[in-house]
Structures are given as structure tokens and as C-alpha cells.
């Protein structure tokens, strides 16, 4: 007869021994196995969806970076164009000042008494400085006489037929031009030698 103090030895038996209680194993078709398969399938689906979302996010990121790079390049081009346009506007506004300065020097130079005056020398110095600034900005002075007429650089305002120069040659420069090629503020206003009869 078993006493109450004796523990139940059946629970401590090896499960492989005959008569031992065996734990239930999950086999296919049981509710536990089907639940595990559903969990694995859901995890795979979630992983595939996460990978697709990651690929889409990377694609959006690459497109955004390309758009930003294109925008940066476009703004750099526009900034350079605006700088050039502003430089041209400022230099164009400065030309009448330079023209008036030269007229004042021509008037003062016509009188021999003023030629050595300190004021005239100062004005000439200011004119040379102004011409240097325009040249540094990319608008050198164009005032050569005796060169062939070039419609890209000259504007013919008169034709002189009684001259020794070859036809189509610049005889006199009435107003100097500033700039070269595409960067021209204004063409030189010139008198051109015409055909001799």
C-alpha cells in the first residue's frame, strides 16, 4: 500500500518507457501545425511587402536626389546668366557718364591754357580708371580708325566720299563702342569711307 508521502513516480518516468505518458506531438493537419504554417506564411508576406516598400522608398529617394541635382545645376546656370545681365545693365548705365566726361575733356583740351591744368589731368586720370573698370568687366573700348568696317562692331552713321581711305574703311569714330562679340554694350558709331567716283 502506498503512503501519502511517496511521490507519484509515473510523472518522473522516461517518456520513451512503456506505459509513460507521452506529450502530444504536432503533426500536419492538427490545429497547432496549421497555425504555425499560417504564421510563417504571414511573416513571409510581411517580409516581401517590406522589401517592396524599401525598394519603392529607395527609388523615390534616388529620384528626389536627381531632381535636387538638376535643380542645383539649373539655378547655377540662371545665377550666372543673371550676374552677366546685371553687369551689362550697370555698365550700360555708366556709359553716358563716361561720354560726358570725355566731352568735358575735349572742351577743356581745345583751350591750350587748360591743357596743363590739374583739374584736366585729374579728369583724364578718372577717365582712364573708368575705361580700365569697363575693360575688367569684359567691355573693352573699341575706337580704332583705319580698320575695315565690321557690322558686328560698328554702326555706320555717315559716309565720307572725299577721303584717301579705301572704301569700307572706318575713317572717324564718333562714339566709341564697348565690348566684343556677344558681350557688346554698344557698337562704335563711325564714319565710313565711301566709293570714290
Protein backbone atom coordinates (compact mmCIF):
# COMPACT_ATOMS: atom_id res chain seq x y z
CA UNK A 1 0.00 0.00 0.00
CA UNK A 2 1.29 3.37 -1.00
CA UNK A 3 1.68 6.04 1.55
CA UNK A 4 0.86 9.63 1.06
CA UNK A 5 4.44 10.73 1.27
CA UNK A 6 5.52 8.77 -1.77
CA UNK A 7 5.59 10.89 -4.84
CA UNK A 8 3.93 9.71 -7.96
CA UNK A 9 6.73 8.06 -9.90
CA UNK A 10 4.80 7.85 -13.13
CA UNK A 11 5.35 11.53 -13.85
CA UNK A 12 9.12 11.13 -13.48
CA UNK A 13 9.40 8.22 -15.90
CA UNK A 14 11.20 8.49 -19.15
CA UNK A 15 8.67 9.25 -21.88
CA UNK A 16 10.13 6.50 -24.05
CA UNK A 17 9.49 3.83 -21.45
CA UNK A 18 6.42 1.67 -21.89
CA UNK A 19 3.43 2.98 -20.07
CA UNK A 20 4.86 6.53 -19.75
CA UNK A 21 2.71 9.45 -20.69
CA UNK A 22 3.88 10.94 -23.99
CA UNK A 23 3.50 14.59 -24.86
CA UNK A 24 1.36 15.33 -27.86
CA UNK A 25 3.42 15.96 -30.99
CA UNK A 26 2.35 18.46 -33.62
CA UNK A 27 1.60 16.70 -36.80
CA UNK A 28 0.31 18.02 -40.04
CA UNK A 29 -3.35 18.56 -40.04
CA UNK A 30 -3.52 19.49 -36.40
CA UNK A 31 -4.69 22.97 -35.49
CA UNK A 32 -1.31 23.88 -33.94
CA UNK A 33 0.61 22.93 -37.10
CA UNK A 34 -1.75 24.84 -39.32
CA UNK A 35 -1.39 27.89 -37.08
CA UNK A 36 2.42 27.71 -37.32
CA UNK A 37 2.25 27.47 -41.10
CA UNK A 38 -0.12 30.44 -41.25
CA UNK A 39 2.26 32.45 -39.05
CA UNK A 40 5.22 31.56 -41.30
CA UNK A 41 3.22 32.46 -44.41
CA UNK A 42 2.17 35.78 -42.88
CA UNK A 43 5.79 36.53 -41.91
CA UNK A 44 6.97 35.79 -45.46
CA UNK A 45 4.24 38.02 -46.90
CA UNK A 46 5.18 40.80 -44.50
CA UNK A 47 8.85 40.40 -45.44
CA UNK A 48 8.07 40.58 -49.16
CA UNK A 49 5.88 43.66 -48.63
CA UNK A 50 8.61 45.32 -46.53
CA UNK A 51 11.19 44.60 -49.25
CA UNK A 52 8.88 46.08 -51.89
CA UNK A 53 8.28 49.18 -49.75
CA UNK A 54 12.04 49.54 -49.22
CA UNK A 55 12.70 49.29 -52.96
CA UNK A 56 10.00 51.89 -53.65
CA UNK A 57 11.44 54.20 -50.99
CA UNK A 58 14.94 53.84 -52.45
CA UNK A 59 13.56 54.62 -55.91
CA UNK A 60 11.80 57.74 -54.61
CA UNK A 61 14.97 58.79 -52.80
CA UNK A 62 17.11 58.37 -55.95
CA UNK A 63 14.59 60.37 -58.00
CA UNK A 64 14.49 63.11 -55.37
CA UNK A 65 18.31 63.30 -55.36
CA UNK A 66 18.39 63.50 -59.17
CA UNK A 67 15.73 66.24 -59.11
CA UNK A 68 17.73 68.15 -56.49
CA UNK A 69 20.91 67.85 -58.55
CA UNK A 70 19.11 69.08 -61.70
CA UNK A 71 17.62 71.97 -59.73
CA UNK A 72 21.03 72.92 -58.35
CA UNK A 73 22.55 72.93 -61.85
CA UNK A 74 19.67 74.97 -63.27
CA UNK A 75 19.96 77.57 -60.52
CA UNK A 76 23.73 77.79 -61.06
CA UNK A 77 23.15 78.49 -64.78
CA UNK A 78 20.44 81.05 -64.00
CA UNK A 79 22.65 82.74 -61.42
CA UNK A 80 25.50 83.08 -63.92
CA UNK A 81 23.08 84.46 -66.53
CA UNK A 82 21.63 86.96 -64.04
CA UNK A 83 25.09 88.10 -62.96
CA UNK A 84 26.05 88.72 -66.58
CA UNK A 85 22.81 90.62 -67.25
CA UNK A 86 23.28 92.77 -64.14
CA UNK A 87 26.89 93.50 -65.08
CA UNK A 88 25.69 94.61 -68.51
CA UNK A 89 22.94 96.82 -67.02
CA UNK A 90 25.36 98.57 -64.67
CA UNK A 91 27.98 99.09 -67.37
CA UNK A 92 25.34 100.41 -69.80
CA UNK A 93 24.11 102.89 -67.20
CA UNK A 94 27.70 104.02 -66.68
CA UNK A 95 28.39 104.77 -70.37
CA UNK A 96 26.65 108.19 -70.50
CA UNK A 97 28.77 109.31 -67.54
CA UNK A 98 31.92 108.30 -69.39
CA UNK A 99 30.70 110.00 -72.58
CA UNK A 100 30.08 113.27 -70.71
CA UNK A 101 33.48 113.03 -69.06
CA UNK A 102 35.10 112.71 -72.49
CA UNK A 103 33.12 115.68 -73.83
CA UNK A 104 34.34 117.77 -70.90
CA UNK A 105 37.91 116.74 -71.64
CA UNK A 106 37.51 117.60 -75.35
CA UNK A 107 36.18 121.04 -74.42
CA UNK A 108 38.97 121.66 -71.93
CA UNK A 109 41.59 120.32 -74.35
CA UNK A 110 40.54 122.78 -77.06
CA UNK A 111 41.93 125.62 -74.97
CA UNK A 112 45.71 125.44 -74.55
CA UNK A 113 45.55 127.27 -71.23
CA UNK A 114 43.51 124.47 -69.67
CA UNK A 115 45.64 121.64 -71.02
CA UNK A 116 48.11 121.66 -68.15
CA UNK A 117 45.54 122.41 -65.50
CA UNK A 118 45.46 119.98 -62.57
CA UNK A 119 41.70 119.55 -62.96
CA UNK A 120 42.06 118.37 -66.56
CA UNK A 121 44.82 115.95 -65.58
CA UNK A 122 42.59 114.63 -62.81
CA UNK A 123 39.67 114.17 -65.22
CA UNK A 124 41.92 112.28 -67.63
CA UNK A 125 43.03 110.04 -64.79
CA UNK A 126 39.40 109.36 -63.83
CA UNK A 127 38.55 108.57 -67.46
CA UNK A 128 41.44 106.10 -67.70
CA UNK A 129 40.31 104.46 -64.49
CA UNK A 130 36.74 104.18 -65.79
CA UNK A 131 37.98 102.62 -69.04
CA UNK A 132 40.03 100.15 -67.02
CA UNK A 133 36.99 99.17 -64.96
CA UNK A 134 34.90 98.59 -68.09
CA UNK A 135 37.69 96.52 -69.65
CA UNK A 136 37.98 94.45 -66.46
CA UNK A 137 34.23 93.81 -66.59
CA UNK A 138 34.67 92.45 -70.11
CA UNK A 139 33.76 95.55 -72.13
CA UNK A 140 36.96 96.95 -73.66
CA UNK A 141 36.80 100.20 -75.61
CA UNK A 142 36.53 99.93 -79.42
CA UNK A 143 37.64 103.19 -81.06
CA UNK A 144 40.05 102.25 -83.84
CA UNK A 145 40.02 104.24 -87.06
CA UNK A 146 41.55 102.92 -90.29
CA UNK A 147 40.17 99.39 -89.80
CA UNK A 148 37.68 97.69 -92.13
CA UNK A 149 34.03 98.31 -91.28
CA UNK A 150 32.57 95.38 -89.30
CA UNK A 151 28.79 95.47 -88.82
CA UNK A 152 29.15 93.35 -85.67
CA UNK A 153 31.34 96.03 -84.03
CA UNK A 154 30.47 99.25 -85.86
CA UNK A 155 27.40 101.32 -86.62
CA UNK A 156 27.83 103.47 -89.72
CA UNK A 157 26.27 106.88 -89.11
CA UNK A 158 27.83 108.67 -92.09
CA UNK A 159 29.69 108.01 -95.33
CA UNK A 160 32.59 110.20 -96.42
CA UNK A 161 33.39 110.03 -100.10
CA UNK A 162 36.17 112.58 -100.26
CA UNK A 163 38.84 110.64 -98.44
CA UNK A 164 42.07 108.83 -99.20
CA UNK A 165 40.97 105.68 -97.33
CA UNK A 166 39.84 102.57 -99.16
CA UNK A 167 36.08 102.13 -99.49
CA UNK A 168 34.52 100.39 -96.47
CA UNK A 169 37.20 101.63 -94.07
CA UNK A 170 36.39 103.37 -90.78
CA UNK A 171 37.51 106.99 -91.23
CA UNK A 172 36.39 108.51 -87.92
CA UNK A 173 34.96 107.21 -84.66
CA UNK A 174 32.16 109.50 -83.50
CA UNK A 175 31.28 107.47 -80.37
CA UNK A 176 33.45 104.62 -79.14
CA UNK A 177 31.97 101.16 -78.77
CA UNK A 178 32.39 98.94 -75.75
CA UNK A 179 32.60 95.16 -75.62
CA UNK A 180 33.35 92.39 -78.09
CA UNK A 181 31.37 89.68 -79.82
CA UNK A 182 28.29 88.62 -77.88
CA UNK A 183 29.31 90.77 -74.91
CA UNK A 184 28.85 94.15 -76.54
CA UNK A 185 27.30 97.10 -74.73
CA UNK A 186 27.10 99.22 -77.82
CA UNK A 187 28.76 99.32 -81.24
CA UNK A 188 31.08 102.15 -82.20
CA UNK A 189 29.36 104.94 -84.15
CA UNK A 190 31.66 105.54 -87.12
CA UNK A 191 32.05 107.40 -90.38
CA UNK A 192 32.94 105.07 -93.25
CA UNK A 193 34.80 105.81 -96.47
CA UNK A 194 32.52 105.53 -99.50
CA UNK A 195 33.30 104.65 -103.10
CA UNK A 196 35.22 107.29 -104.96
CA UNK A 197 33.85 108.41 -108.32
